N, C-alpha and C. Protein backbone atom coordinates (compact mmCIF):
# COMPACT_ATOMS: atom_id res chain seq x y z
N MET A 1 21.21 17.91 2.09
CA MET A 1 21.31 16.48 2.08
C MET A 1 20.78 15.93 3.41
N ALA A 2 20.03 14.86 3.32
CA ALA A 2 19.40 14.27 4.49
C ALA A 2 20.43 13.51 5.33
N SER A 3 20.22 13.54 6.63
CA SER A 3 21.11 12.80 7.53
C SER A 3 20.70 11.33 7.55
N LEU A 4 21.61 10.51 8.02
CA LEU A 4 21.33 9.08 8.14
C LEU A 4 20.16 8.84 9.10
N ILE A 5 20.07 9.65 10.14
CA ILE A 5 18.96 9.52 11.11
C ILE A 5 17.62 9.78 10.41
N GLU A 6 17.56 10.81 9.57
CA GLU A 6 16.32 11.12 8.84
C GLU A 6 15.93 9.94 7.96
N LEU A 7 16.89 9.41 7.23
CA LEU A 7 16.60 8.30 6.30
C LEU A 7 16.15 7.06 7.06
N LEU A 8 16.83 6.74 8.14
CA LEU A 8 16.44 5.57 8.94
C LEU A 8 15.08 5.77 9.59
N THR A 9 14.75 7.01 9.95
CA THR A 9 13.43 7.30 10.53
C THR A 9 12.33 7.07 9.51
N ILE A 10 12.55 7.51 8.27
CA ILE A 10 11.56 7.28 7.20
C ILE A 10 11.36 5.78 6.99
N LEU A 11 12.46 5.05 6.91
CA LEU A 11 12.39 3.61 6.70
C LEU A 11 11.68 2.92 7.86
N ALA A 12 12.07 3.25 9.09
CA ALA A 12 11.47 2.61 10.27
C ALA A 12 9.99 2.95 10.40
N THR A 13 9.62 4.20 10.10
CA THR A 13 8.21 4.62 10.18
C THR A 13 7.38 3.85 9.16
N SER A 14 7.87 3.77 7.93
CA SER A 14 7.15 3.03 6.89
C SER A 14 6.99 1.57 7.29
N PHE A 15 8.07 0.97 7.76
CA PHE A 15 8.03 -0.44 8.17
C PHE A 15 7.03 -0.66 9.31
N ALA A 16 7.12 0.18 10.34
CA ALA A 16 6.26 0.01 11.52
C ALA A 16 4.79 0.21 11.17
N LEU A 17 4.48 1.25 10.40
CA LEU A 17 3.07 1.51 10.06
C LEU A 17 2.49 0.45 9.14
N ASN A 18 3.33 -0.15 8.31
CA ASN A 18 2.85 -1.20 7.41
C ASN A 18 2.74 -2.56 8.09
N LEU A 19 3.30 -2.69 9.28
CA LEU A 19 3.12 -3.93 10.04
C LEU A 19 1.71 -4.06 10.58
N ILE A 20 0.99 -2.95 10.67
CA ILE A 20 -0.38 -2.97 11.19
C ILE A 20 -1.27 -3.63 10.14
N PRO A 21 -1.80 -4.80 10.42
CA PRO A 21 -2.62 -5.47 9.40
C PRO A 21 -3.98 -4.79 9.22
N PHE A 22 -4.37 -4.61 7.98
CA PHE A 22 -5.67 -4.09 7.57
C PHE A 22 -5.95 -2.64 7.98
N ALA A 23 -5.04 -1.97 8.65
CA ALA A 23 -5.39 -0.64 9.16
C ALA A 23 -4.29 0.41 9.03
N GLY A 24 -3.19 0.09 8.40
CA GLY A 24 -2.10 1.07 8.29
C GLY A 24 -2.49 2.22 7.39
N PRO A 25 -1.93 3.39 7.62
CA PRO A 25 -2.23 4.54 6.76
C PRO A 25 -1.63 4.35 5.37
N SER A 26 -2.15 5.09 4.43
CA SER A 26 -1.67 5.01 3.05
C SER A 26 -0.21 5.43 2.97
N ASN A 27 0.55 4.71 2.17
CA ASN A 27 1.96 5.04 1.97
C ASN A 27 2.12 6.34 1.20
N LEU A 28 1.10 6.75 0.48
CA LEU A 28 1.11 8.06 -0.17
C LEU A 28 1.27 9.15 0.88
N PHE A 29 0.54 9.01 1.98
CA PHE A 29 0.60 10.01 3.05
C PHE A 29 1.87 9.87 3.89
N ILE A 30 2.33 8.65 4.06
CA ILE A 30 3.61 8.46 4.77
C ILE A 30 4.71 9.20 4.00
N ALA A 31 4.74 9.02 2.68
CA ALA A 31 5.76 9.67 1.85
C ALA A 31 5.59 11.18 1.82
N SER A 32 4.34 11.66 1.72
CA SER A 32 4.14 13.12 1.66
C SER A 32 4.50 13.76 3.00
N ASN A 33 4.18 13.11 4.11
CA ASN A 33 4.57 13.63 5.42
C ASN A 33 6.10 13.62 5.57
N ALA A 34 6.73 12.56 5.09
CA ALA A 34 8.19 12.49 5.15
C ALA A 34 8.82 13.61 4.33
N ALA A 35 8.21 13.94 3.20
CA ALA A 35 8.75 15.03 2.37
C ALA A 35 8.63 16.37 3.07
N LEU A 36 7.62 16.52 3.90
CA LEU A 36 7.45 17.78 4.63
C LEU A 36 8.46 17.95 5.76
N ILE A 37 8.85 16.85 6.39
CA ILE A 37 9.72 16.97 7.56
C ILE A 37 11.17 16.60 7.29
N SER A 38 11.46 16.07 6.12
CA SER A 38 12.81 15.61 5.82
C SER A 38 13.44 16.46 4.72
N THR A 39 14.76 16.47 4.70
CA THR A 39 15.47 17.16 3.62
C THR A 39 15.85 16.19 2.51
N ALA A 40 15.46 14.92 2.63
CA ALA A 40 15.77 13.92 1.61
C ALA A 40 15.03 14.25 0.32
N ASP A 41 15.60 13.83 -0.80
CA ASP A 41 14.94 14.06 -2.09
C ASP A 41 13.77 13.09 -2.25
N PRO A 42 12.78 13.44 -3.08
CA PRO A 42 11.58 12.60 -3.23
C PRO A 42 11.85 11.17 -3.69
N ILE A 43 12.86 10.98 -4.53
CA ILE A 43 13.16 9.61 -4.99
C ILE A 43 13.65 8.76 -3.81
N SER A 44 14.54 9.32 -3.00
CA SER A 44 15.04 8.58 -1.83
C SER A 44 13.91 8.27 -0.85
N ILE A 45 13.03 9.25 -0.65
CA ILE A 45 11.88 9.03 0.24
C ILE A 45 11.02 7.90 -0.30
N GLY A 46 10.72 7.96 -1.60
CA GLY A 46 9.90 6.91 -2.22
C GLY A 46 10.53 5.53 -2.09
N LEU A 47 11.85 5.45 -2.30
CA LEU A 47 12.56 4.17 -2.17
C LEU A 47 12.49 3.64 -0.74
N LEU A 48 12.70 4.52 0.22
CA LEU A 48 12.68 4.09 1.63
C LEU A 48 11.28 3.67 2.07
N VAL A 49 10.28 4.42 1.66
CA VAL A 49 8.89 4.07 2.00
C VAL A 49 8.53 2.73 1.36
N ALA A 50 8.91 2.54 0.08
CA ALA A 50 8.62 1.29 -0.62
C ALA A 50 9.34 0.11 0.03
N PHE A 51 10.59 0.31 0.39
CA PHE A 51 11.36 -0.77 1.01
C PHE A 51 10.77 -1.14 2.38
N GLY A 52 10.43 -0.14 3.18
CA GLY A 52 9.84 -0.40 4.49
C GLY A 52 8.50 -1.09 4.37
N ALA A 53 7.65 -0.60 3.45
CA ALA A 53 6.32 -1.19 3.27
C ALA A 53 6.40 -2.61 2.74
N ALA A 54 7.22 -2.82 1.71
CA ALA A 54 7.33 -4.15 1.11
C ALA A 54 7.90 -5.16 2.10
N THR A 55 8.85 -4.74 2.90
CA THR A 55 9.45 -5.65 3.88
C THR A 55 8.45 -6.01 4.98
N ALA A 56 7.67 -5.02 5.43
CA ALA A 56 6.65 -5.29 6.45
C ALA A 56 5.58 -6.24 5.90
N LYS A 57 5.12 -5.99 4.69
CA LYS A 57 4.08 -6.85 4.11
C LYS A 57 4.62 -8.23 3.76
N LEU A 58 5.93 -8.32 3.52
CA LEU A 58 6.53 -9.63 3.30
C LEU A 58 6.38 -10.49 4.56
N LEU A 59 6.44 -9.87 5.73
CA LEU A 59 6.23 -10.61 6.97
C LEU A 59 4.79 -11.13 7.06
N HIS A 60 3.81 -10.33 6.62
CA HIS A 60 2.42 -10.80 6.58
C HIS A 60 2.31 -11.98 5.62
N TYR A 61 2.95 -11.82 4.47
CA TYR A 61 2.90 -12.84 3.43
C TYR A 61 3.52 -14.15 3.93
N ILE A 62 4.71 -14.04 4.55
CA ILE A 62 5.40 -15.24 5.05
C ILE A 62 4.58 -15.93 6.14
N THR A 63 3.92 -15.15 6.97
CA THR A 63 3.05 -15.73 8.00
C THR A 63 1.95 -16.56 7.34
N ALA A 64 1.29 -16.01 6.34
CA ALA A 64 0.25 -16.75 5.62
C ALA A 64 0.84 -17.96 4.90
N PHE A 65 2.03 -17.79 4.34
CA PHE A 65 2.72 -18.86 3.62
C PHE A 65 2.91 -20.07 4.54
N PHE A 66 3.38 -19.82 5.77
CA PHE A 66 3.64 -20.92 6.69
C PHE A 66 2.38 -21.44 7.36
N ILE A 67 1.38 -20.61 7.52
CA ILE A 67 0.09 -21.09 8.03
C ILE A 67 -0.52 -22.06 7.02
N GLY A 68 -0.26 -21.80 5.75
CA GLY A 68 -0.77 -22.66 4.68
C GLY A 68 -0.33 -24.10 4.80
N LYS A 69 0.80 -24.34 5.47
CA LYS A 69 1.28 -25.72 5.66
C LYS A 69 0.36 -26.52 6.58
N HIS A 70 -0.40 -25.85 7.40
CA HIS A 70 -1.24 -26.52 8.39
C HIS A 70 -2.69 -26.67 7.91
N ILE A 71 -2.91 -26.43 6.64
CA ILE A 71 -4.25 -26.58 6.07
C ILE A 71 -4.45 -28.03 5.65
N GLY A 72 -5.66 -28.51 5.82
CA GLY A 72 -5.97 -29.90 5.47
C GLY A 72 -5.73 -30.20 4.00
N GLU A 73 -5.63 -31.48 3.68
CA GLU A 73 -5.30 -31.91 2.32
C GLU A 73 -6.36 -31.48 1.30
N GLN A 74 -7.62 -31.60 1.67
CA GLN A 74 -8.71 -31.21 0.76
C GLN A 74 -8.63 -29.70 0.45
N ARG A 75 -8.46 -28.92 1.47
CA ARG A 75 -8.35 -27.45 1.30
C ARG A 75 -7.10 -27.09 0.50
N ARG A 76 -6.00 -27.82 0.72
CA ARG A 76 -4.76 -27.58 -0.01
C ARG A 76 -4.96 -27.81 -1.50
N LYS A 77 -5.72 -28.86 -1.86
CA LYS A 77 -5.99 -29.14 -3.27
C LYS A 77 -6.80 -28.00 -3.90
N GLN A 78 -7.79 -27.48 -3.15
CA GLN A 78 -8.57 -26.35 -3.65
C GLN A 78 -7.69 -25.12 -3.86
N LEU A 79 -6.80 -24.87 -2.90
CA LEU A 79 -5.89 -23.73 -3.02
C LEU A 79 -4.94 -23.89 -4.20
N ASP A 80 -4.48 -25.10 -4.43
CA ASP A 80 -3.59 -25.35 -5.57
C ASP A 80 -4.30 -25.11 -6.89
N ARG A 81 -5.57 -25.49 -6.98
CA ARG A 81 -6.36 -25.22 -8.21
C ARG A 81 -6.53 -23.71 -8.39
N SER A 82 -6.80 -23.02 -7.29
CA SER A 82 -6.95 -21.56 -7.37
C SER A 82 -5.65 -20.89 -7.79
N ALA A 83 -4.54 -21.40 -7.30
CA ALA A 83 -3.23 -20.84 -7.64
C ALA A 83 -2.97 -20.96 -9.13
N LYS A 84 -3.35 -22.10 -9.72
CA LYS A 84 -3.15 -22.28 -11.16
C LYS A 84 -3.99 -21.29 -11.95
N LYS A 85 -5.22 -21.04 -11.51
CA LYS A 85 -6.09 -20.08 -12.20
C LYS A 85 -5.55 -18.66 -12.08
N LEU A 86 -5.05 -18.33 -10.91
CA LEU A 86 -4.55 -16.97 -10.66
C LEU A 86 -3.26 -16.70 -11.42
N GLY A 87 -2.38 -17.69 -11.43
CA GLY A 87 -1.10 -17.67 -12.12
C GLY A 87 -0.57 -16.34 -12.60
N ARG A 88 -0.82 -16.05 -13.87
CA ARG A 88 -0.21 -14.86 -14.50
C ARG A 88 -0.81 -13.54 -14.03
N TRP A 89 -1.96 -13.58 -13.37
CA TRP A 89 -2.59 -12.33 -12.93
C TRP A 89 -2.11 -11.88 -11.55
N ALA A 90 -1.43 -12.75 -10.83
CA ALA A 90 -0.99 -12.43 -9.48
C ALA A 90 -0.09 -11.18 -9.43
N PRO A 91 0.94 -11.05 -10.30
CA PRO A 91 1.77 -9.85 -10.22
C PRO A 91 0.97 -8.55 -10.42
N LEU A 92 0.02 -8.58 -11.33
CA LEU A 92 -0.81 -7.40 -11.56
C LEU A 92 -1.68 -7.10 -10.34
N ALA A 93 -2.27 -8.14 -9.75
CA ALA A 93 -3.10 -7.95 -8.56
C ALA A 93 -2.27 -7.38 -7.41
N ILE A 94 -1.07 -7.88 -7.24
CA ILE A 94 -0.19 -7.38 -6.17
C ILE A 94 0.18 -5.93 -6.44
N PHE A 95 0.56 -5.62 -7.68
CA PHE A 95 0.94 -4.26 -8.04
C PHE A 95 -0.21 -3.28 -7.79
N ILE A 96 -1.42 -3.64 -8.22
CA ILE A 96 -2.59 -2.77 -8.04
C ILE A 96 -2.88 -2.58 -6.55
N ALA A 97 -2.82 -3.65 -5.78
CA ALA A 97 -3.05 -3.53 -4.33
C ALA A 97 -2.01 -2.62 -3.68
N ALA A 98 -0.78 -2.69 -4.16
CA ALA A 98 0.29 -1.88 -3.57
C ALA A 98 0.23 -0.43 -4.02
N ALA A 99 -0.18 -0.19 -5.26
CA ALA A 99 -0.13 1.17 -5.83
C ALA A 99 -1.41 1.97 -5.65
N THR A 100 -2.42 1.38 -5.04
CA THR A 100 -3.69 2.07 -4.85
C THR A 100 -4.04 2.07 -3.36
N PRO A 101 -5.01 2.88 -2.98
CA PRO A 101 -5.38 2.91 -1.55
C PRO A 101 -6.27 1.76 -1.10
N ILE A 102 -6.55 0.80 -1.99
CA ILE A 102 -7.37 -0.33 -1.54
C ILE A 102 -6.59 -1.14 -0.51
N PRO A 103 -7.26 -1.79 0.42
CA PRO A 103 -6.55 -2.61 1.40
C PRO A 103 -5.79 -3.73 0.68
N ASP A 104 -4.54 -3.94 1.05
CA ASP A 104 -3.74 -4.93 0.34
C ASP A 104 -3.66 -6.28 1.04
N ASP A 105 -3.99 -6.35 2.32
CA ASP A 105 -3.94 -7.63 3.02
C ASP A 105 -4.89 -8.67 2.43
N PRO A 106 -6.08 -8.29 1.92
CA PRO A 106 -6.92 -9.30 1.29
C PRO A 106 -6.31 -9.92 0.02
N VAL A 107 -5.30 -9.30 -0.55
CA VAL A 107 -4.58 -9.88 -1.68
C VAL A 107 -3.36 -10.65 -1.17
N ILE A 108 -2.66 -10.07 -0.21
CA ILE A 108 -1.41 -10.65 0.29
C ILE A 108 -1.64 -12.00 0.97
N ILE A 109 -2.60 -12.07 1.86
CA ILE A 109 -2.80 -13.29 2.66
C ILE A 109 -3.21 -14.49 1.79
N PRO A 110 -4.17 -14.33 0.87
CA PRO A 110 -4.49 -15.49 0.02
C PRO A 110 -3.30 -15.94 -0.83
N LEU A 111 -2.51 -15.00 -1.33
CA LEU A 111 -1.36 -15.40 -2.14
C LEU A 111 -0.32 -16.15 -1.29
N GLY A 112 -0.19 -15.76 -0.04
CA GLY A 112 0.69 -16.50 0.85
C GLY A 112 0.18 -17.92 1.07
N LEU A 113 -1.12 -18.05 1.29
CA LEU A 113 -1.72 -19.38 1.48
C LEU A 113 -1.57 -20.23 0.22
N LEU A 114 -1.60 -19.56 -0.96
CA LEU A 114 -1.47 -20.26 -2.23
C LEU A 114 -0.02 -20.63 -2.55
N LYS A 115 0.91 -20.20 -1.69
CA LYS A 115 2.34 -20.47 -1.88
C LYS A 115 2.89 -19.81 -3.14
N TYR A 116 2.38 -18.62 -3.44
CA TYR A 116 2.90 -17.85 -4.56
C TYR A 116 4.36 -17.49 -4.28
N SER A 117 5.17 -17.35 -5.29
CA SER A 117 6.60 -17.08 -5.13
C SER A 117 6.86 -15.84 -4.28
N PRO A 118 7.59 -15.98 -3.16
CA PRO A 118 7.90 -14.82 -2.32
C PRO A 118 8.70 -13.74 -3.08
N ALA A 119 9.63 -14.15 -3.94
CA ALA A 119 10.43 -13.18 -4.70
C ALA A 119 9.55 -12.38 -5.67
N LYS A 120 8.64 -13.08 -6.36
CA LYS A 120 7.73 -12.38 -7.29
C LYS A 120 6.79 -11.47 -6.52
N PHE A 121 6.32 -11.95 -5.36
CA PHE A 121 5.46 -11.12 -4.53
C PHE A 121 6.18 -9.84 -4.15
N TYR A 122 7.38 -9.97 -3.61
CA TYR A 122 8.14 -8.81 -3.12
C TYR A 122 8.42 -7.83 -4.26
N ALA A 123 8.83 -8.34 -5.42
CA ALA A 123 9.15 -7.46 -6.55
C ALA A 123 7.92 -6.67 -7.00
N SER A 124 6.79 -7.33 -7.16
CA SER A 124 5.56 -6.64 -7.61
C SER A 124 5.09 -5.63 -6.57
N TYR A 125 5.14 -6.03 -5.32
CA TYR A 125 4.68 -5.14 -4.25
C TYR A 125 5.60 -3.93 -4.12
N PHE A 126 6.91 -4.16 -4.19
CA PHE A 126 7.88 -3.07 -4.08
C PHE A 126 7.67 -2.04 -5.19
N VAL A 127 7.48 -2.51 -6.43
CA VAL A 127 7.29 -1.58 -7.56
C VAL A 127 6.02 -0.75 -7.36
N GLY A 128 4.94 -1.38 -6.90
CA GLY A 128 3.71 -0.64 -6.64
C GLY A 128 3.90 0.41 -5.55
N LYS A 129 4.57 0.04 -4.48
CA LYS A 129 4.81 0.98 -3.38
C LYS A 129 5.82 2.07 -3.78
N LEU A 130 6.75 1.74 -4.65
CA LEU A 130 7.70 2.74 -5.13
C LEU A 130 6.96 3.82 -5.92
N LEU A 131 6.03 3.40 -6.75
CA LEU A 131 5.24 4.35 -7.54
C LEU A 131 4.46 5.28 -6.62
N ILE A 132 3.78 4.73 -5.64
CA ILE A 132 2.97 5.54 -4.73
C ILE A 132 3.85 6.35 -3.78
N GLY A 133 5.00 5.80 -3.38
CA GLY A 133 5.91 6.51 -2.48
C GLY A 133 6.56 7.71 -3.12
N VAL A 134 7.05 7.55 -4.35
CA VAL A 134 7.67 8.68 -5.06
C VAL A 134 6.61 9.73 -5.37
N GLY A 135 5.44 9.27 -5.81
CA GLY A 135 4.34 10.21 -6.08
C GLY A 135 3.94 10.99 -4.84
N GLY A 136 3.85 10.30 -3.71
CA GLY A 136 3.50 10.96 -2.46
C GLY A 136 4.56 11.96 -2.01
N ALA A 137 5.83 11.61 -2.19
CA ALA A 137 6.91 12.51 -1.80
C ALA A 137 6.89 13.78 -2.67
N TYR A 138 6.69 13.60 -3.97
CA TYR A 138 6.60 14.78 -4.84
C TYR A 138 5.36 15.62 -4.51
N ALA A 139 4.26 14.96 -4.16
CA ALA A 139 3.04 15.69 -3.77
C ALA A 139 3.29 16.50 -2.51
N GLY A 140 4.01 15.92 -1.56
CA GLY A 140 4.34 16.63 -0.32
C GLY A 140 5.20 17.86 -0.60
N ARG A 141 6.19 17.70 -1.45
CA ARG A 141 7.05 18.85 -1.80
C ARG A 141 6.28 19.91 -2.58
N TYR A 142 5.43 19.47 -3.51
CA TYR A 142 4.63 20.41 -4.30
C TYR A 142 3.66 21.16 -3.39
N GLY A 143 3.03 20.44 -2.47
CA GLY A 143 2.10 21.06 -1.53
C GLY A 143 2.80 22.07 -0.64
N GLU A 144 4.03 21.76 -0.26
CA GLU A 144 4.80 22.68 0.57
C GLU A 144 5.11 23.96 -0.21
N HIS A 145 5.47 23.82 -1.48
CA HIS A 145 5.74 25.01 -2.32
C HIS A 145 4.46 25.81 -2.53
N LEU A 146 3.37 25.10 -2.77
CA LEU A 146 2.10 25.75 -3.08
C LEU A 146 1.52 26.47 -1.86
N LEU A 147 1.54 25.80 -0.72
CA LEU A 147 0.92 26.36 0.48
C LEU A 147 1.92 27.00 1.45
N GLY A 148 3.21 26.85 1.17
CA GLY A 148 4.24 27.36 2.07
C GLY A 148 4.19 28.86 2.28
N SER A 149 3.70 29.59 1.27
CA SER A 149 3.62 31.05 1.42
C SER A 149 2.43 31.47 2.28
N VAL A 150 1.43 30.58 2.40
CA VAL A 150 0.23 30.89 3.15
C VAL A 150 0.30 30.34 4.58
N LEU A 151 0.85 29.14 4.72
CA LEU A 151 0.92 28.47 6.02
C LEU A 151 2.37 28.22 6.40
N ASN A 152 2.64 28.21 7.70
CA ASN A 152 4.00 27.90 8.11
C ASN A 152 4.23 26.39 8.05
N HIS A 153 5.48 25.99 8.17
CA HIS A 153 5.88 24.59 8.02
C HIS A 153 5.17 23.68 9.03
N GLU A 154 5.05 24.10 10.25
CA GLU A 154 4.41 23.29 11.29
C GLU A 154 2.93 23.07 10.98
N ALA A 155 2.26 24.12 10.49
CA ALA A 155 0.84 23.99 10.12
C ALA A 155 0.66 23.00 8.99
N LEU A 156 1.57 23.01 8.02
CA LEU A 156 1.50 22.04 6.91
C LEU A 156 1.63 20.61 7.42
N ILE A 157 2.55 20.40 8.34
CA ILE A 157 2.73 19.06 8.90
C ILE A 157 1.48 18.62 9.65
N ILE A 158 0.91 19.51 10.45
CA ILE A 158 -0.31 19.18 11.21
C ILE A 158 -1.47 18.86 10.27
N ILE A 159 -1.65 19.67 9.23
CA ILE A 159 -2.71 19.42 8.24
C ILE A 159 -2.49 18.08 7.55
N SER A 160 -1.25 17.79 7.20
CA SER A 160 -0.94 16.53 6.53
C SER A 160 -1.23 15.33 7.44
N VAL A 161 -0.84 15.41 8.69
CA VAL A 161 -1.08 14.31 9.63
C VAL A 161 -2.58 14.12 9.85
N ILE A 162 -3.31 15.22 10.03
CA ILE A 162 -4.76 15.13 10.23
C ILE A 162 -5.45 14.53 9.01
N SER A 163 -5.05 14.98 7.82
CA SER A 163 -5.67 14.43 6.60
C SER A 163 -5.33 12.95 6.44
N THR A 164 -4.14 12.54 6.84
CA THR A 164 -3.77 11.13 6.80
C THR A 164 -4.69 10.31 7.71
N ILE A 165 -4.91 10.80 8.91
CA ILE A 165 -5.78 10.10 9.86
C ILE A 165 -7.21 10.02 9.35
N VAL A 166 -7.72 11.14 8.86
CA VAL A 166 -9.10 11.18 8.36
C VAL A 166 -9.29 10.23 7.17
N ILE A 167 -8.38 10.28 6.22
CA ILE A 167 -8.51 9.42 5.03
C ILE A 167 -8.34 7.95 5.41
N THR A 168 -7.46 7.65 6.35
CA THR A 168 -7.31 6.27 6.81
C THR A 168 -8.61 5.77 7.45
N ILE A 169 -9.24 6.60 8.27
CA ILE A 169 -10.51 6.21 8.89
C ILE A 169 -11.59 6.00 7.83
N ILE A 170 -11.64 6.89 6.85
CA ILE A 170 -12.62 6.74 5.75
C ILE A 170 -12.39 5.43 5.01
N LEU A 171 -11.12 5.13 4.70
CA LEU A 171 -10.83 3.88 3.98
C LEU A 171 -11.18 2.66 4.81
N LEU A 172 -11.07 2.76 6.13
CA LEU A 172 -11.44 1.63 6.98
C LEU A 172 -12.96 1.47 7.07
N LYS A 173 -13.67 2.59 7.02
CA LYS A 173 -15.13 2.55 7.16
C LYS A 173 -15.84 2.23 5.84
N VAL A 174 -15.23 2.61 4.73
CA VAL A 174 -15.87 2.42 3.43
C VAL A 174 -15.56 1.01 2.93
N ASP A 175 -16.58 0.32 2.51
CA ASP A 175 -16.41 -1.02 1.95
C ASP A 175 -16.17 -0.89 0.45
N VAL A 176 -14.89 -0.92 0.05
CA VAL A 176 -14.51 -0.71 -1.35
C VAL A 176 -15.15 -1.76 -2.24
N GLU A 177 -15.23 -2.99 -1.76
CA GLU A 177 -15.80 -4.08 -2.55
C GLU A 177 -17.26 -3.79 -2.91
N LYS A 178 -18.04 -3.28 -1.95
CA LYS A 178 -19.45 -2.96 -2.22
C LYS A 178 -19.57 -1.84 -3.25
N ILE A 179 -18.70 -0.86 -3.16
CA ILE A 179 -18.73 0.26 -4.11
C ILE A 179 -18.44 -0.25 -5.52
N VAL A 180 -17.44 -1.11 -5.66
CA VAL A 180 -17.11 -1.67 -6.98
C VAL A 180 -18.28 -2.49 -7.51
N GLU A 181 -18.90 -3.29 -6.63
CA GLU A 181 -20.06 -4.08 -7.06
C GLU A 181 -21.19 -3.19 -7.56
N ARG A 182 -21.45 -2.08 -6.86
CA ARG A 182 -22.51 -1.16 -7.29
C ARG A 182 -22.19 -0.54 -8.64
N ILE A 183 -20.96 -0.15 -8.83
CA ILE A 183 -20.56 0.44 -10.11
C ILE A 183 -20.71 -0.57 -11.23
N LEU A 184 -20.29 -1.80 -10.98
CA LEU A 184 -20.40 -2.83 -12.01
C LEU A 184 -21.85 -3.18 -12.32
N ARG A 185 -22.72 -3.13 -11.31
CA ARG A 185 -24.14 -3.40 -11.54
C ARG A 185 -24.78 -2.28 -12.35
N LYS A 186 -24.39 -1.04 -12.11
CA LYS A 186 -24.97 0.10 -12.82
C LYS A 186 -24.49 0.17 -14.25
N ARG A 187 -23.27 -0.26 -14.52
CA ARG A 187 -22.71 -0.17 -15.87
C ARG A 187 -23.56 -0.96 -16.88
N PRO A 188 -23.93 -2.24 -16.63
CA PRO A 188 -24.77 -2.95 -17.60
C PRO A 188 -26.12 -2.28 -17.80
N GLU A 189 -26.68 -1.66 -16.71
CA GLU A 189 -27.97 -0.96 -16.85
C GLU A 189 -27.83 0.22 -17.81
N LYS A 190 -26.73 0.94 -17.73
CA LYS A 190 -26.51 2.09 -18.62
C LYS A 190 -26.34 1.61 -20.05
N GLN A 191 -25.63 0.48 -20.25
CA GLN A 191 -25.44 -0.05 -21.59
C GLN A 191 -26.77 -0.48 -22.20
N LYS A 192 -27.69 -1.05 -21.39
CA LYS A 192 -29.01 -1.44 -21.89
C LYS A 192 -29.82 -0.25 -22.32
N GLU A 193 -29.67 0.88 -21.56
CA GLU A 193 -30.43 2.09 -21.89
C GLU A 193 -29.96 2.68 -23.20
N GLU A 194 -28.67 2.56 -23.50
CA GLU A 194 -28.12 3.13 -24.73
C GLU A 194 -28.53 2.28 -25.87
């Protein structure tokens, strides 16, 4: 059974790393690293990572929400029209941003400016992070079982931390939007050929 210090460390680490705008490491790796160094069960790790991440991003959201009050009247009207169009798709967009490695601040900040419901934002974001957090914790435990006979515990932690750093750098350097645009442009070309 995990100690209170272990659990609070997982929560504080998730919260602190998610406070970094546009550059925090993936919560999948935060959870998998926590599974390697903690005796907590994967569900508890996932819950703590999700709670820390969602609470940190709520601060980003609230900042954008209150900055939105200082926007001019013309811009406010445009944002209100955009909010009406986004309406029912916002929870899905938040969930996808939270549950995938795509950067989530480009979704969070506009929704804050649009004055989207903070409670709905938090719920959708938490569920997305819970999915990725529990998955990451189970992946960390599975990796430990799989590689534990070949590598010692410290080597697994070092490999996990290094892979987290490398993948975070790749995600920062790769323009996901351009990749999606290229894929979407190629898809119609393939359909024309068929």
